[in-house]
Every structure is written in C-alpha cells, then in structure tokens.
N, C-alpha and C. Protein backbone atom coordinates (compact mmCIF):
# COMPACT_ATOMS: atom_id res chain seq x y z
N UNK A 1 0.85 -1.18 0.00
CA UNK A 1 0.00 0.00 0.00
C UNK A 1 0.89 1.24 0.00
N UNK A 2 0.83 2.04 -1.06
CA UNK A 2 1.60 3.27 -1.14
C UNK A 2 0.66 4.46 -1.04
N UNK A 3 0.42 4.90 0.18
CA UNK A 3 -0.50 6.02 0.41
C UNK A 3 0.12 7.31 -0.09
N UNK A 4 -0.68 8.12 -0.77
CA UNK A 4 -0.20 9.41 -1.26
C UNK A 4 0.17 10.30 -0.08
N UNK A 5 1.08 11.22 -0.31
CA UNK A 5 1.55 12.10 0.76
C UNK A 5 1.35 13.56 0.38
N UNK A 6 1.50 14.43 1.38
CA UNK A 6 1.35 15.87 1.17
C UNK A 6 2.32 16.34 0.09
N UNK A 7 1.85 17.24 -0.76
CA UNK A 7 2.65 17.78 -1.84
C UNK A 7 2.40 17.10 -3.18
N UNK A 8 1.81 15.90 -3.13
CA UNK A 8 1.52 15.18 -4.38
C UNK A 8 0.22 15.70 -4.99
N UNK A 9 0.10 15.55 -6.28
CA UNK A 9 -1.14 15.91 -6.96
C UNK A 9 -2.17 14.83 -6.67
N UNK A 10 -3.37 15.24 -6.28
CA UNK A 10 -4.43 14.27 -6.02
C UNK A 10 -4.91 13.68 -7.34
N UNK A 11 -5.19 12.39 -7.37
CA UNK A 11 -5.72 11.79 -8.60
C UNK A 11 -7.08 12.41 -8.94
N UNK A 12 -7.30 12.65 -10.21
CA UNK A 12 -8.63 13.12 -10.61
C UNK A 12 -9.56 11.91 -10.61
N UNK A 13 -10.79 12.12 -10.23
CA UNK A 13 -11.73 10.99 -10.20
C UNK A 13 -13.16 11.49 -10.38
N UNK A 14 -13.99 10.57 -10.81
CA UNK A 14 -15.44 10.78 -10.87
C UNK A 14 -16.08 9.52 -10.32
N UNK A 15 -16.95 9.71 -9.32
CA UNK A 15 -17.68 8.60 -8.71
C UNK A 15 -19.15 8.97 -8.60
N UNK A 16 -19.99 7.97 -8.43
CA UNK A 16 -21.42 8.22 -8.24
C UNK A 16 -21.70 8.54 -6.78
N UNK A 17 -22.58 9.55 -6.58
CA UNK A 17 -22.95 9.93 -5.22
C UNK A 17 -24.21 9.18 -4.77
N UNK A 18 -24.72 9.57 -3.61
CA UNK A 18 -25.88 8.92 -3.02
C UNK A 18 -27.14 9.06 -3.89
N UNK A 19 -27.15 10.01 -4.81
CA UNK A 19 -28.29 10.20 -5.72
C UNK A 19 -28.03 9.56 -7.08
N UNK A 20 -26.98 8.74 -7.18
CA UNK A 20 -26.60 8.06 -8.42
C UNK A 20 -26.18 9.06 -9.50
N UNK A 21 -25.63 10.21 -9.05
CA UNK A 21 -25.15 11.25 -9.97
C UNK A 21 -23.62 11.30 -9.91
N UNK A 22 -22.97 11.54 -11.07
CA UNK A 22 -21.51 11.61 -11.06
C UNK A 22 -21.00 12.88 -10.37
N UNK A 23 -20.00 12.71 -9.56
CA UNK A 23 -19.33 13.82 -8.87
C UNK A 23 -17.84 13.67 -9.14
N UNK A 24 -17.22 14.77 -9.58
CA UNK A 24 -15.79 14.76 -9.89
C UNK A 24 -15.03 15.67 -8.93
N UNK A 25 -13.80 15.32 -8.66
CA UNK A 25 -12.96 16.19 -7.84
C UNK A 25 -12.87 17.57 -8.48
N UNK A 26 -12.82 17.61 -9.80
CA UNK A 26 -12.69 18.89 -10.52
C UNK A 26 -13.92 19.80 -10.35
N UNK A 27 -15.03 19.26 -9.85
CA UNK A 27 -16.23 20.08 -9.59
C UNK A 27 -15.97 21.10 -8.48
N UNK A 28 -14.90 20.92 -7.72
CA UNK A 28 -14.68 21.75 -6.54
C UNK A 28 -13.46 22.65 -6.65
N UNK A 29 -13.08 22.98 -7.88
CA UNK A 29 -11.94 23.90 -8.07
C UNK A 29 -12.20 25.19 -7.30
N UNK A 30 -11.15 25.70 -6.65
CA UNK A 30 -11.29 26.92 -5.86
C UNK A 30 -11.70 26.65 -4.42
N UNK A 31 -11.96 25.39 -4.09
CA UNK A 31 -12.28 25.00 -2.72
C UNK A 31 -11.30 23.93 -2.26
N UNK A 32 -11.16 23.80 -0.96
CA UNK A 32 -10.42 22.67 -0.41
C UNK A 32 -11.40 21.52 -0.30
N UNK A 33 -10.92 20.31 -0.48
CA UNK A 33 -11.75 19.12 -0.38
C UNK A 33 -11.16 18.19 0.67
N UNK A 34 -12.00 17.79 1.62
CA UNK A 34 -11.60 16.75 2.55
C UNK A 34 -12.17 15.45 1.99
N UNK A 35 -11.31 14.66 1.36
CA UNK A 35 -11.71 13.36 0.82
C UNK A 35 -11.41 12.35 1.92
N UNK A 36 -12.46 11.89 2.58
CA UNK A 36 -12.22 10.95 3.67
C UNK A 36 -12.73 9.57 3.29
N UNK A 37 -11.85 8.61 3.40
CA UNK A 37 -12.15 7.22 3.07
C UNK A 37 -12.57 6.51 4.36
N UNK A 38 -13.72 5.85 4.29
CA UNK A 38 -14.23 5.12 5.45
C UNK A 38 -14.64 3.72 5.01
N UNK A 39 -14.45 2.71 5.86
CA UNK A 39 -14.66 1.32 5.44
C UNK A 39 -16.08 0.92 5.07
N UNK A 40 -17.09 1.30 5.88
CA UNK A 40 -18.43 0.79 5.59
C UNK A 40 -19.51 1.65 6.23
N UNK A 41 -20.47 2.08 5.43
CA UNK A 41 -21.58 2.90 5.91
C UNK A 41 -22.36 2.18 7.01
N UNK A 42 -22.81 2.95 7.96
CA UNK A 42 -23.71 2.52 9.03
C UNK A 42 -23.09 1.56 10.03
N UNK A 43 -21.76 1.48 10.06
CA UNK A 43 -21.09 0.72 11.11
C UNK A 43 -20.76 1.72 12.23
N UNK A 44 -20.54 1.24 13.45
CA UNK A 44 -20.37 2.18 14.58
C UNK A 44 -19.28 3.23 14.39
N UNK A 45 -18.06 2.80 14.03
CA UNK A 45 -16.96 3.77 13.88
C UNK A 45 -17.21 4.76 12.75
N UNK A 46 -17.72 4.27 11.63
CA UNK A 46 -17.97 5.14 10.48
C UNK A 46 -19.11 6.12 10.77
N UNK A 47 -20.07 5.69 11.57
CA UNK A 47 -21.18 6.57 11.94
C UNK A 47 -20.67 7.70 12.84
N UNK A 48 -19.86 7.36 13.83
CA UNK A 48 -19.31 8.37 14.74
C UNK A 48 -18.49 9.40 13.95
N UNK A 49 -17.67 8.90 13.04
CA UNK A 49 -16.83 9.79 12.22
C UNK A 49 -17.70 10.71 11.36
N UNK A 50 -18.71 10.14 10.70
CA UNK A 50 -19.58 10.93 9.82
C UNK A 50 -20.37 11.97 10.60
N UNK A 51 -20.86 11.60 11.77
CA UNK A 51 -21.65 12.54 12.57
C UNK A 51 -20.79 13.71 13.06
N UNK A 52 -19.54 13.44 13.38
CA UNK A 52 -18.63 14.53 13.77
C UNK A 52 -18.44 15.52 12.63
N UNK A 53 -18.28 15.01 11.42
CA UNK A 53 -18.13 15.89 10.25
C UNK A 53 -19.44 16.63 9.97
N UNK A 54 -20.56 15.93 10.12
CA UNK A 54 -21.88 16.56 9.94
C UNK A 54 -22.01 17.76 10.88
N UNK A 55 -21.67 17.56 12.14
CA UNK A 55 -21.83 18.62 13.14
C UNK A 55 -20.82 19.75 12.97
N UNK A 56 -19.78 19.53 12.19
CA UNK A 56 -18.73 20.54 11.95
C UNK A 56 -18.87 21.20 10.59
N UNK A 57 -19.94 20.90 9.86
CA UNK A 57 -20.05 21.37 8.48
C UNK A 57 -19.94 22.89 8.35
N UNK A 58 -20.61 23.64 9.21
CA UNK A 58 -20.58 25.10 9.12
C UNK A 58 -19.15 25.63 9.31
N UNK A 59 -18.44 25.06 10.29
CA UNK A 59 -17.05 25.49 10.53
C UNK A 59 -16.17 25.15 9.33
N UNK A 60 -16.36 23.96 8.77
CA UNK A 60 -15.57 23.56 7.61
C UNK A 60 -15.88 24.44 6.40
N UNK A 61 -17.15 24.73 6.16
CA UNK A 61 -17.52 25.59 5.04
C UNK A 61 -16.93 26.98 5.21
N UNK A 62 -16.90 27.49 6.43
CA UNK A 62 -16.32 28.81 6.70
C UNK A 62 -14.83 28.83 6.35
N UNK A 63 -14.20 27.66 6.37
CA UNK A 63 -12.78 27.54 6.02
C UNK A 63 -12.60 27.09 4.56
N UNK A 64 -13.69 27.16 3.76
CA UNK A 64 -13.67 26.85 2.33
C UNK A 64 -13.42 25.36 2.05
N UNK A 65 -13.92 24.49 2.96
CA UNK A 65 -13.70 23.05 2.82
C UNK A 65 -15.02 22.33 2.52
N UNK A 66 -14.98 21.48 1.50
CA UNK A 66 -16.10 20.61 1.13
C UNK A 66 -15.72 19.20 1.57
N UNK A 67 -16.67 18.46 2.13
CA UNK A 67 -16.43 17.09 2.59
C UNK A 67 -16.99 16.09 1.58
N UNK A 68 -16.15 15.13 1.21
CA UNK A 68 -16.58 14.00 0.37
C UNK A 68 -16.22 12.72 1.10
N UNK A 69 -17.23 11.94 1.47
CA UNK A 69 -17.00 10.65 2.10
C UNK A 69 -16.95 9.57 1.03
N UNK A 70 -15.92 8.76 1.03
CA UNK A 70 -15.73 7.73 -0.01
C UNK A 70 -15.61 6.36 0.64
N UNK A 71 -16.45 5.42 0.17
CA UNK A 71 -16.39 4.05 0.66
C UNK A 71 -16.61 3.10 -0.50
N UNK A 72 -16.47 1.81 -0.22
CA UNK A 72 -16.72 0.81 -1.26
C UNK A 72 -18.17 0.32 -1.21
N UNK A 73 -19.01 1.01 -0.46
CA UNK A 73 -20.43 0.67 -0.41
C UNK A 73 -21.07 0.90 -1.77
N UNK A 74 -22.07 0.07 -2.13
CA UNK A 74 -22.81 0.33 -3.36
C UNK A 74 -23.63 1.62 -3.21
N UNK A 75 -23.91 2.28 -4.33
CA UNK A 75 -24.66 3.54 -4.33
C UNK A 75 -25.95 3.40 -3.52
N UNK A 76 -26.65 2.29 -3.65
CA UNK A 76 -27.97 2.15 -3.01
C UNK A 76 -27.89 2.17 -1.48
N UNK A 77 -26.72 1.92 -0.91
CA UNK A 77 -26.57 1.94 0.56
C UNK A 77 -26.36 3.38 1.08
N UNK A 78 -25.84 4.26 0.24
CA UNK A 78 -25.46 5.60 0.69
C UNK A 78 -26.64 6.46 1.15
N UNK A 79 -27.78 6.50 0.40
CA UNK A 79 -28.89 7.34 0.87
C UNK A 79 -29.44 6.88 2.23
N UNK A 80 -29.36 5.60 2.51
CA UNK A 80 -29.82 5.08 3.81
C UNK A 80 -28.97 5.65 4.93
N UNK A 81 -27.66 5.71 4.72
CA UNK A 81 -26.72 6.26 5.71
C UNK A 81 -27.01 7.74 5.91
N UNK A 82 -27.19 8.47 4.82
CA UNK A 82 -27.48 9.90 4.90
C UNK A 82 -28.78 10.16 5.64
N UNK A 83 -29.81 9.40 5.29
CA UNK A 83 -31.12 9.60 5.92
C UNK A 83 -31.09 9.22 7.40
N UNK A 84 -30.53 8.07 7.71
CA UNK A 84 -30.51 7.58 9.09
C UNK A 84 -29.81 8.55 10.03
N UNK A 85 -28.70 9.14 9.57
CA UNK A 85 -27.88 9.99 10.44
C UNK A 85 -27.92 11.47 10.07
N UNK A 86 -28.86 11.86 9.22
CA UNK A 86 -29.01 13.27 8.82
C UNK A 86 -27.69 13.86 8.34
N UNK A 87 -26.97 13.12 7.52
CA UNK A 87 -25.68 13.61 7.02
C UNK A 87 -25.92 14.72 6.00
N UNK A 88 -25.07 15.72 6.04
CA UNK A 88 -25.25 16.93 5.22
C UNK A 88 -24.08 17.16 4.26
N UNK A 89 -23.47 16.08 3.83
CA UNK A 89 -22.38 16.18 2.86
C UNK A 89 -22.48 15.00 1.90
N UNK A 90 -21.70 15.04 0.85
CA UNK A 90 -21.78 14.05 -0.23
C UNK A 90 -21.04 12.77 0.13
N UNK A 91 -21.69 11.64 -0.16
CA UNK A 91 -21.05 10.33 -0.04
C UNK A 91 -20.88 9.77 -1.44
N UNK A 92 -19.73 9.13 -1.68
CA UNK A 92 -19.41 8.59 -3.00
C UNK A 92 -19.14 7.09 -2.92
N UNK A 93 -19.56 6.38 -3.95
CA UNK A 93 -19.37 4.93 -4.03
C UNK A 93 -18.17 4.59 -4.89
N UNK A 94 -17.21 3.90 -4.30
CA UNK A 94 -16.01 3.43 -5.00
C UNK A 94 -16.00 1.90 -4.90
N UNK A 95 -17.08 1.30 -5.42
CA UNK A 95 -17.33 -0.14 -5.24
C UNK A 95 -16.16 -1.02 -5.69
N UNK A 96 -15.52 -0.65 -6.78
CA UNK A 96 -14.40 -1.47 -7.28
C UNK A 96 -13.06 -1.02 -6.69
N UNK A 97 -13.09 -0.11 -5.74
CA UNK A 97 -11.95 0.47 -5.02
C UNK A 97 -10.86 1.03 -5.94
N UNK A 98 -11.24 1.46 -7.15
CA UNK A 98 -10.26 2.03 -8.08
C UNK A 98 -9.68 3.34 -7.56
N UNK A 99 -10.53 4.21 -6.99
CA UNK A 99 -10.04 5.49 -6.45
C UNK A 99 -9.23 5.23 -5.18
N UNK A 100 -9.70 4.31 -4.35
CA UNK A 100 -8.94 3.95 -3.15
C UNK A 100 -7.54 3.45 -3.52
N UNK A 101 -7.46 2.67 -4.60
CA UNK A 101 -6.15 2.21 -5.08
C UNK A 101 -5.27 3.39 -5.48
N UNK A 102 -5.86 4.36 -6.19
CA UNK A 102 -5.08 5.52 -6.64
C UNK A 102 -4.54 6.34 -5.46
N UNK A 103 -5.33 6.44 -4.39
CA UNK A 103 -4.90 7.20 -3.21
C UNK A 103 -4.01 6.35 -2.29
N UNK A 104 -3.95 5.04 -2.56
CA UNK A 104 -3.12 4.16 -1.74
C UNK A 104 -3.74 3.83 -0.40
N UNK A 105 -5.07 3.72 -0.35
CA UNK A 105 -5.74 3.42 0.92
C UNK A 105 -6.43 2.04 0.89
N UNK A 106 -6.20 1.26 -0.16
CA UNK A 106 -6.72 -0.09 -0.25
C UNK A 106 -5.57 -1.04 -0.02
N UNK A 107 -5.71 -1.93 0.95
CA UNK A 107 -4.63 -2.87 1.19
C UNK A 107 -4.92 -3.79 2.35
N UNK A 108 -3.89 -4.50 2.77
CA UNK A 108 -4.03 -5.52 3.80
C UNK A 108 -4.44 -4.91 5.14
N UNK A 109 -5.42 -5.58 5.75
CA UNK A 109 -5.89 -5.19 7.09
C UNK A 109 -5.95 -6.45 7.94
N UNK A 110 -5.93 -6.23 9.26
CA UNK A 110 -6.06 -7.34 10.20
C UNK A 110 -7.19 -7.00 11.16
N UNK A 111 -8.07 -7.99 11.39
CA UNK A 111 -9.16 -7.79 12.33
C UNK A 111 -9.50 -9.14 12.95
N UNK A 112 -9.44 -9.21 14.27
CA UNK A 112 -9.75 -10.43 15.02
C UNK A 112 -9.01 -11.65 14.46
N UNK A 113 -7.72 -11.47 14.18
CA UNK A 113 -6.89 -12.56 13.73
C UNK A 113 -6.99 -12.88 12.25
N UNK A 114 -7.89 -12.21 11.54
CA UNK A 114 -8.03 -12.46 10.10
C UNK A 114 -7.29 -11.38 9.32
N UNK A 115 -6.70 -11.79 8.21
CA UNK A 115 -6.03 -10.85 7.32
C UNK A 115 -6.83 -10.80 6.03
N UNK A 116 -7.11 -9.61 5.57
CA UNK A 116 -7.91 -9.43 4.35
C UNK A 116 -7.57 -8.08 3.73
N UNK A 117 -7.98 -7.89 2.49
CA UNK A 117 -7.81 -6.60 1.84
C UNK A 117 -9.02 -5.73 2.12
N UNK A 118 -8.78 -4.47 2.42
CA UNK A 118 -9.89 -3.57 2.73
C UNK A 118 -9.48 -2.12 2.62
N UNK A 119 -10.44 -1.26 2.90
CA UNK A 119 -10.26 0.19 2.82
C UNK A 119 -9.75 0.71 4.15
N UNK A 120 -8.67 1.44 4.12
CA UNK A 120 -8.10 2.04 5.33
C UNK A 120 -8.73 3.40 5.58
N UNK A 121 -8.94 3.70 6.86
CA UNK A 121 -9.58 4.96 7.27
C UNK A 121 -8.53 6.07 7.25
N UNK A 122 -8.42 6.73 6.12
CA UNK A 122 -7.43 7.81 5.93
C UNK A 122 -8.14 8.95 5.20
N UNK A 123 -7.80 10.19 5.58
CA UNK A 123 -8.40 11.36 4.94
C UNK A 123 -7.32 12.23 4.32
N UNK A 124 -7.71 12.86 3.21
CA UNK A 124 -6.79 13.73 2.48
C UNK A 124 -7.41 15.12 2.36
N UNK A 125 -6.66 16.13 2.78
CA UNK A 125 -7.08 17.50 2.54
C UNK A 125 -6.42 17.93 1.24
N UNK A 126 -7.26 18.19 0.26
CA UNK A 126 -6.78 18.58 -1.09
C UNK A 126 -6.99 20.07 -1.23
N UNK A 127 -5.94 20.78 -1.63
CA UNK A 127 -6.04 22.25 -1.71
C UNK A 127 -6.81 22.70 -2.96
N UNK A 128 -6.96 24.00 -3.08
CA UNK A 128 -7.75 24.60 -4.16
C UNK A 128 -7.19 24.30 -5.55
N UNK A 129 -5.95 23.85 -5.62
CA UNK A 129 -5.30 23.58 -6.90
C UNK A 129 -5.14 22.08 -7.18
N UNK A 130 -5.75 21.24 -6.33
CA UNK A 130 -5.71 19.81 -6.57
C UNK A 130 -4.51 19.08 -5.99
N UNK A 131 -3.75 19.77 -5.13
CA UNK A 131 -2.61 19.14 -4.47
C UNK A 131 -3.00 18.67 -3.08
N UNK A 132 -2.43 17.56 -2.67
CA UNK A 132 -2.69 17.08 -1.31
C UNK A 132 -1.93 17.97 -0.34
N UNK A 133 -2.69 18.64 0.52
CA UNK A 133 -2.11 19.56 1.49
C UNK A 133 -1.71 18.81 2.77
N UNK A 134 -2.56 17.87 3.17
CA UNK A 134 -2.30 17.15 4.43
C UNK A 134 -2.98 15.79 4.39
N UNK A 135 -2.36 14.81 5.04
CA UNK A 135 -2.93 13.47 5.16
C UNK A 135 -3.22 13.22 6.63
N UNK A 136 -4.46 12.84 6.94
CA UNK A 136 -4.86 12.51 8.30
C UNK A 136 -4.97 10.99 8.39
N UNK A 137 -4.04 10.37 9.10
CA UNK A 137 -4.07 8.91 9.19
C UNK A 137 -3.93 8.39 10.62
N UNK A 138 -3.80 9.31 11.57
CA UNK A 138 -3.71 8.90 12.97
C UNK A 138 -4.73 9.71 13.77
N UNK A 139 -5.90 9.09 13.99
CA UNK A 139 -6.96 9.75 14.75
C UNK A 139 -7.95 8.69 15.22
N UNK A 140 -8.70 9.04 16.24
CA UNK A 140 -9.82 8.20 16.66
C UNK A 140 -11.06 8.70 15.90
N UNK A 141 -11.97 7.80 15.57
CA UNK A 141 -13.13 8.22 14.76
C UNK A 141 -13.89 9.36 15.42
N UNK A 142 -14.00 9.35 16.74
CA UNK A 142 -14.76 10.40 17.42
C UNK A 142 -14.05 11.76 17.38
N UNK A 143 -12.75 11.76 17.11
CA UNK A 143 -11.95 13.00 17.10
C UNK A 143 -11.59 13.48 15.70
N UNK A 144 -11.94 12.73 14.67
CA UNK A 144 -11.51 13.05 13.31
C UNK A 144 -11.84 14.49 12.93
N UNK A 145 -13.09 14.90 13.12
CA UNK A 145 -13.49 16.26 12.74
C UNK A 145 -12.66 17.31 13.47
N UNK A 146 -12.35 17.07 14.75
CA UNK A 146 -11.60 18.04 15.53
C UNK A 146 -10.13 18.10 15.08
N UNK A 147 -9.57 16.96 14.73
CA UNK A 147 -8.20 16.91 14.23
C UNK A 147 -8.10 17.73 12.93
N UNK A 148 -9.10 17.58 12.07
CA UNK A 148 -9.14 18.34 10.81
C UNK A 148 -9.28 19.83 11.09
N UNK A 149 -10.21 20.19 11.97
CA UNK A 149 -10.42 21.62 12.30
C UNK A 149 -9.18 22.21 12.96
N UNK A 150 -8.54 21.47 13.85
CA UNK A 150 -7.33 21.97 14.51
C UNK A 150 -6.24 22.25 13.47
N UNK A 151 -6.09 21.34 12.52
CA UNK A 151 -5.10 21.55 11.46
C UNK A 151 -5.44 22.81 10.66
N UNK A 152 -6.69 22.94 10.24
CA UNK A 152 -7.11 24.07 9.41
C UNK A 152 -6.99 25.41 10.14
N UNK A 153 -7.16 25.40 11.44
CA UNK A 153 -7.14 26.65 12.22
C UNK A 153 -5.76 27.02 12.78
N UNK A 154 -4.76 26.19 12.48
CA UNK A 154 -3.43 26.49 13.05
C UNK A 154 -2.75 27.62 12.33
C-alpha cells in the first residue's frame, strides 16, 4: 500500500454519489476538499466519524472546505446512511476500489486474527489547486473532525 503524501497531486476521479449522480474532484476547483475514506456505511466507527463531520459542516464551510466521504459501499446503501444519520455532505461509491487504489488506501488489514484486503480509514485535505495539502491517518473516529479543524485553524 503506497499512500499518497502531502505535496503530491491528487488523482482526478469521478464517482457516483448517493443520488446516483456523477461527482468529480474537478467540480470543486477553488475550494479545499476533505476526501475521507471510510470502510463501511452505518457501522459504529464510520457513523461516529460521519456525525462529527456533519456537526462541523458550518465550521468547515467557513474555512472553504467541502467534505466527500468515499467508501466501497454500493450507491444504493449511501442514501440510507445519509437519511438515518441526517448527514449533510456528499457520499461517493467506489465499489471497485479504483479510487482507493489511486490514493493508496486499499490494502491488507487485520481484524480479530483475520487478514484481508480492505479500505483504510485515511483522509486527504486537497487544496484549491488539486494538491494534497495534508494526510490525516492517525486519529480516533470520534476525534476526526476536531483533528481536521485543529489543522485548518493552526
């Protein structure tokens, strides 16, 4: 797994959102994008992480940041997650993990003694010009939004 690092150009991508509409990274030129990869919609850790970002949306928007949540969930699962938890940002489906591969967040994981390939919980702050400004890879799900805000406000 070769995770992209700060200073690298973010891969361009287009994925389907919760409304089955294509969304491209290039749609957000002039804004910062927090592309956060999460393993699976409606699981406890992913819910806590998403709700923290939901509750921080106004602060993030004030800092010119758009949130894009990316998982390998099928499109049809995404609106359920949004509705259940009143999420106020875009979720994208990367079912074949092609974008996750490009960002270097798909790879070997270990859970309860099992080894398998999966999506790693890593977030990328992409600047207004499409460059990765910062990589968030060490955080607790409940603190993710605060770690991002602390970085942005420093």
